Structure formats: structure tokens, C-alpha cells
Amino acid sequence: MEDGDLVGRFARRLRLFDSNADGVVRRRDVVAAAERLVRAFRVDTHSIGAERIRTGYEMLSLALLADFGDPARDEVAVAGFTAALAADPARMAGLGRRIARTDALAVRECLTPIGEAVKAEHVAEVIVVLGAHPGHRPVIQQALERDGALIRLTTAIRPFADHFAGSGYPGLYGRA
């Protein structure tokens, strides 16, 4: 996979946080995604699971701001983000691991009540709540079903890690 295609995957993921589609992701947008997940999946708001989700996305937002944004304004411009990744592709590996861990943690915490193994459609629903277009749910589900109908929550990081490494799951966050 070319670096440009991989940069596009990162940019697509970042845009899922952009609540008003203005090309700028604010820290509050990332934190709001965590709260949407907690509410949508009825994670007890005072539970350790809810705290893990909130903390995961808070830490992701701080890392994005520190590496790609304007900390004084608490925002990351998508255009600046993609330009920085394109100029220095080595930055993608660490960022990809961070995003993969955070999204996989959200999947685990939101879907634990279902059981140890979940259907691709359940994981797709988490991704839609994160900000993917609801009409892209079939594309996301198809990408996730690459390895079979069920996804073990203990290995839920694999699709996300592979997506950001460029080694599979191109439709994980929907159509480009």
C-alpha cells in the first residue's frame, strides 16, 4: 500500500471525530465520541468500563493535539494532520497503534455484555456511533467479516491494527 493511501486511512478516521464537518477536530469532539459510546451502549456511567472509554479517547485527543495540533486552541486541522503524516510517514506506526488500541478498547467495553465473541454487525455499530455514516454499515460489516462471522473481543484489536498498518480491512471505517 502506498503511503498516500495509508495517510487517507488516518485522515478518514480523524474526520469521524469532526462533529460539524469543518475540517477541524476539537478535543471536545473526541471526548464527545466517548460519551456517545457510553450512552449508546448503556455502559454504566460510573463503571470502570465507562472510565476506560473516556480516558482512552481523552488520551488520544491529547496525543493528537501534541503531535499534530494547536494545543492552545485544543484543535487539530485535518489538512495539517494529513500534511504532517505525508511529510513524515514514520509517525504513522505509533499513531496507528494508539488509535487501534483506543478503538478496540471501546469495542470491548461496549460489547462485553454480549459475550466473548460478537458479530461483525455489533462492531460496525460501535464504529457508526464513533461517527461513521450509518449508510456505510454494510461496508464496515463486510470488512470485518473478512475472517469469519464472529470476532472474539479478546482479539478485537486486530482489524484496527491491520487497518492502520495498511495490511487489510480497508472499509473498516466506511467508504472513503
Protein backbone atom coordinates (compact mmCIF):
# COMPACT_ATOMS: atom_id res chain seq x y z
CA MET A 1 0.00 0.00 0.00
CA GLU A 2 1.25 3.46 -0.84
CA ASP A 3 1.83 5.96 1.96
CA GLY A 4 -0.81 8.27 0.43
CA ASP A 5 -3.46 5.58 0.76
CA LEU A 6 -2.42 4.97 4.34
CA VAL A 7 -2.50 8.70 5.12
CA GLY A 8 -6.04 8.66 3.73
CA ARG A 9 -6.99 5.95 6.22
CA PHE A 10 -5.72 8.07 9.09
CA ALA A 11 -7.46 11.18 7.78
CA ARG A 12 -10.73 9.30 7.39
CA ARG A 13 -10.52 8.13 10.99
CA LEU A 14 -9.74 11.64 12.24
CA ARG A 15 -12.68 13.07 10.27
CA LEU A 16 -15.04 10.74 12.17
CA PHE A 17 -14.43 12.98 15.18
CA ASP A 18 -15.19 16.20 13.26
CA SER A 19 -18.68 16.79 14.61
CA ASN A 20 -19.53 19.78 12.44
CA ALA A 21 -17.51 18.76 9.33
CA ASP A 22 -15.48 21.97 9.29
CA GLY A 23 -12.14 20.21 8.83
CA VAL A 24 -11.11 20.83 12.44
CA VAL A 25 -11.22 18.25 15.22
CA ARG A 26 -11.50 19.76 18.65
CA ARG A 27 -10.63 17.99 21.86
CA ARG A 28 -14.27 18.24 22.90
CA ASP A 29 -15.24 16.37 19.69
CA VAL A 30 -13.09 13.42 20.71
CA VAL A 31 -14.39 13.47 24.28
CA ALA A 32 -17.96 13.66 22.96
CA ALA A 33 -17.37 10.48 20.94
CA ALA A 34 -16.53 8.66 24.16
CA GLU A 35 -19.71 9.93 25.79
CA ARG A 36 -21.79 8.88 22.76
CA LEU A 37 -20.40 5.36 23.09
CA VAL A 38 -21.15 5.18 26.82
CA ARG A 39 -24.74 6.36 26.25
CA ALA A 40 -25.46 4.36 23.09
CA PHE A 41 -24.27 1.07 24.56
CA ARG A 42 -25.66 1.78 28.01
CA VAL A 43 -22.31 1.37 29.72
CA ASP A 44 -22.87 2.24 33.39
CA THR A 45 -21.66 5.84 33.53
CA HIS A 46 -19.90 5.26 36.85
CA SER A 47 -18.26 1.97 35.86
CA ILE A 48 -14.63 1.27 35.20
CA GLY A 49 -15.63 0.42 31.61
CA ALA A 50 -17.05 3.91 31.04
CA GLU A 51 -13.96 5.43 32.63
CA ARG A 52 -11.70 3.37 30.36
CA ILE A 53 -13.56 4.60 27.27
CA ARG A 54 -13.42 8.22 28.41
CA THR A 55 -9.76 8.02 29.39
CA GLY A 56 -8.80 6.26 26.17
CA TYR A 57 -10.28 8.96 23.97
CA GLU A 58 -9.06 11.77 26.24
CA MET A 59 -5.51 10.44 25.96
CA LEU A 60 -5.91 10.02 22.19
CA SER A 61 -7.09 13.62 21.89
CA LEU A 62 -4.11 14.87 23.90
CA ALA A 63 -1.68 12.86 21.75
CA LEU A 64 -3.26 14.21 18.55
CA LEU A 65 -3.03 17.76 19.87
CA ALA A 66 0.58 17.37 20.99
CA ASP A 67 1.75 15.80 17.74
CA PHE A 68 -0.44 17.41 15.09
CA GLY A 69 -2.47 20.25 16.51
CA ASP A 70 -2.65 23.56 18.21
CA PRO A 71 -2.75 22.83 21.96
CA ALA A 72 -3.59 26.45 22.76
CA ARG A 73 -6.79 26.17 20.72
CA ASP A 74 -7.42 22.49 21.57
CA GLU A 75 -7.81 21.55 17.91
CA VAL A 76 -6.27 19.62 15.05
CA ALA A 77 -6.83 20.73 11.46
CA VAL A 78 -7.41 17.68 9.27
CA ALA A 79 -5.43 19.27 6.42
CA GLY A 80 -2.44 19.92 8.69
CA PHE A 81 -2.72 16.41 10.10
CA THR A 82 -2.60 14.78 6.66
CA ALA A 83 0.24 17.04 5.51
CA ALA A 84 2.29 16.14 8.60
CA LEU A 85 1.73 12.41 8.09
CA ALA A 86 2.53 12.62 4.39
CA ALA A 87 5.74 14.52 5.15
CA ASP A 88 6.84 12.04 7.82
CA PRO A 89 5.27 8.59 7.27
CA ALA A 90 7.30 7.14 10.16
CA ARG A 91 4.88 8.88 12.53
CA MET A 92 2.05 6.63 11.34
CA ALA A 93 3.10 3.45 13.14
CA GLY A 94 2.87 4.82 16.67
CA LEU A 95 -0.28 6.78 15.95
CA GLY A 96 -1.87 3.75 14.30
CA ARG A 97 -1.19 1.63 17.39
CA ARG A 98 -2.67 4.31 19.66
CA ILE A 99 -5.86 4.65 17.59
CA ALA A 100 -6.18 0.87 17.22
CA ARG A 101 -5.85 0.33 20.97
CA THR A 102 -8.38 3.05 21.75
CA ASP A 103 -10.99 1.88 19.25
CA ALA A 104 -10.52 -1.78 20.23
CA LEU A 105 -10.90 -0.86 23.90
CA ALA A 106 -14.18 0.90 23.06
CA VAL A 107 -15.39 -2.20 21.20
CA ARG A 108 -14.52 -4.44 24.15
CA GLU A 109 -16.12 -2.19 26.76
CA CYS A 110 -19.28 -1.52 24.74
CA LEU A 111 -19.84 -5.10 23.63
CA THR A 112 -18.78 -7.10 26.71
CA PRO A 113 -22.41 -7.66 27.76
CA ILE A 114 -22.97 -9.62 24.52
CA GLY A 115 -20.30 -12.20 25.30
CA GLU A 116 -16.76 -13.27 24.41
CA ALA A 117 -17.46 -13.32 20.67
CA VAL A 118 -19.57 -10.79 18.80
CA LYS A 119 -20.91 -10.47 15.30
CA ALA A 120 -19.34 -8.08 12.82
CA GLU A 121 -22.58 -6.11 12.81
CA HIS A 122 -22.09 -5.33 16.51
CA VAL A 123 -18.60 -3.95 15.93
CA ALA A 124 -19.91 -2.00 12.93
CA GLU A 125 -22.47 -0.38 15.22
CA VAL A 126 -19.67 0.83 17.52
CA ILE A 127 -17.90 2.37 14.52
CA VAL A 128 -21.11 4.09 13.43
CA VAL A 129 -21.55 5.56 16.91
CA LEU A 130 -17.94 6.78 16.69
CA GLY A 131 -19.02 8.84 13.69
CA ALA A 132 -19.10 6.69 10.56
CA HIS A 133 -22.06 7.29 8.28
CA PRO A 134 -24.90 4.86 9.10
CA GLY A 135 -25.24 4.08 5.39
CA HIS A 136 -21.70 2.68 5.47
CA ARG A 137 -22.62 -0.01 8.00
CA PRO A 138 -22.75 -2.78 5.32
CA VAL A 139 -19.26 -1.83 4.06
CA ILE A 140 -17.88 -1.84 7.60
CA GLN A 141 -19.56 -5.14 8.37
CA GLN A 142 -18.21 -6.72 5.19
CA ALA A 143 -14.68 -5.54 6.03
CA LEU A 144 -14.98 -7.09 9.48
CA GLU A 145 -16.34 -10.40 8.18
CA ARG A 146 -13.11 -10.99 6.27
CA ASP A 147 -12.00 -13.59 8.82
CA GLY A 148 -15.39 -15.05 9.69
CA ALA A 149 -18.75 -14.23 11.18
CA LEU A 150 -17.63 -13.85 14.80
CA ILE A 151 -15.00 -11.62 16.36
CA ARG A 152 -13.51 -12.54 19.70
CA LEU A 153 -13.41 -9.49 21.95
CA THR A 154 -10.00 -10.53 23.25
CA THR A 155 -8.59 -10.16 19.73
CA ALA A 156 -10.73 -7.24 18.59
CA ILE A 157 -7.65 -5.06 18.12
CA ARG A 158 -6.54 -6.97 15.04
CA PRO A 159 -8.84 -5.32 12.47
CA PHE A 160 -7.94 -1.87 13.78
CA ALA A 161 -4.20 -2.55 13.95
CA ASP A 162 -4.19 -4.08 10.46
CA HIS A 163 -6.22 -1.16 9.10
CA PHE A 164 -3.67 1.40 10.28
CA ALA A 165 -0.74 -0.73 9.19
CA GLY A 166 -2.22 -0.87 5.69
CA SER A 167 -2.43 -4.66 5.73
CA GLY A 168 -6.16 -5.11 5.49
CA TYR A 169 -9.67 -4.04 6.41
CA PRO A 170 -9.81 -1.05 4.01
CA GLY A 171 -13.52 -0.41 4.65
CA LEU A 172 -13.26 -0.58 8.43
CA TYR A 173 -14.47 2.99 8.92
CA GLY A 174 -16.75 3.06 5.89
CA ARG A 175 -16.40 4.23 2.33
CA ALA A 176 -13.93 6.95 1.51
